[in-house]
Amino acid sequence: MSEQRDGDEELRRGFFATMPRGTVTRVFVLLALLAGVVLLQRKAGAIGGCMNQTFMLPQPHGVGAAAGDASARGPIHVRVQVPEATTR
């Protein structure tokens, strides 16, 4: 009779109770990471386009010239002014 009780108790423990500790957590973490990678892969084109527009600098153009006229563009002159160091 005791052998039958042991067998019944093992069946009652269930699937998750028989697995080593941490296995279920690792499986859920890996599935979440996989879902994140797939989501980012599908959104890569939109993310790249957004980043391209964000970091795109406006093209300089000459004074009085049309914005699309490449021949009117001349050298860009920049003057950098560094503030003087303050004395203590």
C-alpha atoms as a PDB file:
ATOM      1  CA  MET A   1       0.000   0.000   0.000  1.00  0.00           C
ATOM      2  CA  SER A   2       2.829   2.402   0.724  1.00  0.00           C
ATOM      3  CA  GLU A   3       4.211   1.851  -2.784  1.00  0.00           C
ATOM      4  CA  GLN A   4       0.925   2.930  -4.281  1.00  0.00           C
ATOM      5  CA  ARG A   5       0.869   6.112  -2.142  1.00  0.00           C
ATOM      6  CA  ASP A   6       4.401   7.079  -3.261  1.00  0.00           C
ATOM      7  CA  GLY A   7       3.401   6.694  -6.898  1.00  0.00           C
ATOM      8  CA  ASP A   8       0.254   8.740  -6.397  1.00  0.00           C
ATOM      9  CA  GLU A   9       2.200  11.499  -4.631  1.00  0.00           C
ATOM     10  CA  GLU A  10       4.702  11.716  -7.478  1.00  0.00           C
ATOM     11  CA  LEU A  11       1.881  12.088  -9.979  1.00  0.00           C
ATOM     12  CA  ARG A  12       0.270  14.807  -7.864  1.00  0.00           C
ATOM     13  CA  ARG A  13       3.455  16.862  -7.728  1.00  0.00           C
ATOM     14  CA  GLY A  14       2.893  17.953 -11.293  1.00  0.00           C
ATOM     15  CA  PHE A  15       5.119  18.985 -14.138  1.00  0.00           C
ATOM     16  CA  PHE A  16       6.499  22.218 -12.664  1.00  0.00           C
ATOM     17  CA  ALA A  17       7.328  20.673  -9.316  1.00  0.00           C
ATOM     18  CA  THR A  18       9.497  18.002 -10.918  1.00  0.00           C
ATOM     19  CA  MET A  19      11.586  20.487 -12.919  1.00  0.00           C
ATOM     20  CA  PRO A  20      14.863  21.777 -11.442  1.00  0.00           C
ATOM     21  CA  ARG A  21      14.673  25.164  -9.754  1.00  0.00           C
ATOM     22  CA  GLY A  22      15.215  28.160 -11.989  1.00  0.00           C
ATOM     23  CA  THR A  23      14.412  26.330 -15.199  1.00  0.00           C
ATOM     24  CA  VAL A  24      10.975  27.870 -15.582  1.00  0.00           C
ATOM     25  CA  THR A  25      12.345  31.350 -14.896  1.00  0.00           C
ATOM     26  CA  ARG A  26      15.136  30.895 -17.448  1.00  0.00           C
ATOM     27  CA  VAL A  27      12.657  29.707 -20.058  1.00  0.00           C
ATOM     28  CA  PHE A  28      10.414  32.745 -19.536  1.00  0.00           C
ATOM     29  CA  VAL A  29      13.383  35.156 -19.637  1.00  0.00           C
ATOM     30  CA  LEU A  30      14.703  33.602 -22.852  1.00  0.00           C
ATOM     31  CA  LEU A  31      11.253  33.728 -24.454  1.00  0.00           C
ATOM     32  CA  ALA A  32      10.908  37.404 -23.486  1.00  0.00           C
ATOM     33  CA  LEU A  33      14.334  38.164 -24.988  1.00  0.00           C
ATOM     34  CA  LEU A  34      13.414  36.325 -28.168  1.00  0.00           C
ATOM     35  CA  ALA A  35      10.177  38.301 -28.433  1.00  0.00           C
ATOM     36  CA  GLY A  36      12.146  41.556 -27.969  1.00  0.00           C
ATOM     37  CA  VAL A  37      14.625  40.636 -30.700  1.00  0.00           C
ATOM     38  CA  VAL A  38      11.839  39.731 -33.131  1.00  0.00           C
ATOM     39  CA  LEU A  39       9.987  42.959 -32.349  1.00  0.00           C
ATOM     40  CA  LEU A  40      13.102  45.093 -32.879  1.00  0.00           C
ATOM     41  CA  GLN A  41      13.890  43.233 -36.093  1.00  0.00           C
ATOM     42  CA  ARG A  42      10.441  43.990 -37.471  1.00  0.00           C
ATOM     43  CA  LYS A  43      10.666  47.663 -36.447  1.00  0.00           C
ATOM     44  CA  ALA A  44      14.291  48.132 -37.653  1.00  0.00           C
ATOM     45  CA  GLY A  45      13.276  49.997 -40.821  1.00  0.00           C
ATOM     46  CA  ALA A  46      11.096  52.476 -38.958  1.00  0.00           C
ATOM     47  CA  ILE A  47      13.709  52.983 -36.236  1.00  0.00           C
ATOM     48  CA  GLY A  48      16.430  53.550 -38.842  1.00  0.00           C
ATOM     49  CA  GLY A  49      14.298  56.076 -40.726  1.00  0.00           C
ATOM     50  CA  CYS A  50      13.508  57.963 -37.549  1.00  0.00           C
ATOM     51  CA  MET A  51      17.173  58.059 -36.537  1.00  0.00           C
ATOM     52  CA  ASN A  52      18.147  59.236 -40.029  1.00  0.00           C
ATOM     53  CA  GLN A  53      15.693  62.125 -39.870  1.00  0.00           C
ATOM     54  CA  THR A  54      16.734  63.002 -36.342  1.00  0.00           C
ATOM     55  CA  PHE A  55      20.442  63.315 -37.085  1.00  0.00           C
ATOM     56  CA  MET A  56      20.139  64.836 -40.567  1.00  0.00           C
ATOM     57  CA  LEU A  57      21.608  68.343 -40.667  1.00  0.00           C
ATOM     58  CA  PRO A  58      20.061  70.978 -42.921  1.00  0.00           C
ATOM     59  CA  GLN A  59      22.102  71.608 -46.066  1.00  0.00           C
ATOM     60  CA  PRO A  60      23.609  75.119 -46.250  1.00  0.00           C
ATOM     61  CA  HIS A  61      22.806  77.237 -49.271  1.00  0.00           C
ATOM     62  CA  GLY A  62      24.114  80.514 -50.639  1.00  0.00           C
ATOM     63  CA  VAL A  63      22.418  83.825 -50.010  1.00  0.00           C
ATOM     64  CA  GLY A  64      19.723  84.523 -52.592  1.00  0.00           C
ATOM     65  CA  ALA A  65      20.132  81.134 -54.256  1.00  0.00           C
ATOM     66  CA  ALA A  66      17.543  78.425 -54.483  1.00  0.00           C
ATOM     67  CA  ALA A  67      17.754  75.778 -51.772  1.00  0.00           C
ATOM     68  CA  GLY A  68      18.259  72.964 -54.306  1.00  0.00           C
ATOM     69  CA  ASP A  69      20.897  74.749 -56.437  1.00  0.00           C
ATOM     70  CA  ALA A  70      24.195  72.959 -55.755  1.00  0.00           C
ATOM     71  CA  SER A  71      26.256  75.365 -57.888  1.00  0.00           C
ATOM     72  CA  ALA A  72      25.383  78.333 -55.649  1.00  0.00           C
ATOM     73  CA  ARG A  73      26.862  76.698 -52.582  1.00  0.00           C
ATOM     74  CA  GLY A  74      30.176  78.121 -51.622  1.00  0.00           C
ATOM     75  CA  PRO A  75      32.563  77.496 -48.750  1.00  0.00           C
ATOM     76  CA  ILE A  76      31.113  77.690 -45.278  1.00  0.00           C
ATOM     77  CA  HIS A  77      32.828  80.248 -43.048  1.00  0.00           C
ATOM     78  CA  VAL A  78      32.610  79.701 -39.316  1.00  0.00           C
ATOM     79  CA  ARG A  79      34.008  81.875 -36.550  1.00  0.00           C
ATOM     80  CA  VAL A  80      34.465  80.173 -33.195  1.00  0.00           C
ATOM     81  CA  GLN A  81      34.628  82.466 -30.203  1.00  0.00           C
ATOM     82  CA  VAL A  82      35.929  80.989 -26.980  1.00  0.00           C
ATOM     83  CA  PRO A  83      34.958  82.810 -23.784  1.00  0.00           C
ATOM     84  CA  GLU A  84      37.831  84.079 -21.682  1.00  0.00           C
ATOM     85  CA  ALA A  85      38.649  82.183 -18.512  1.00  0.00           C
ATOM     86  CA  THR A  86      37.406  83.921 -15.407  1.00  0.00           C
ATOM     87  CA  THR A  87      39.830  84.616 -12.596  1.00  0.00           C
ATOM     88  CA  ARG A  88      39.114  83.484  -9.100  1.00  0.00           C
END
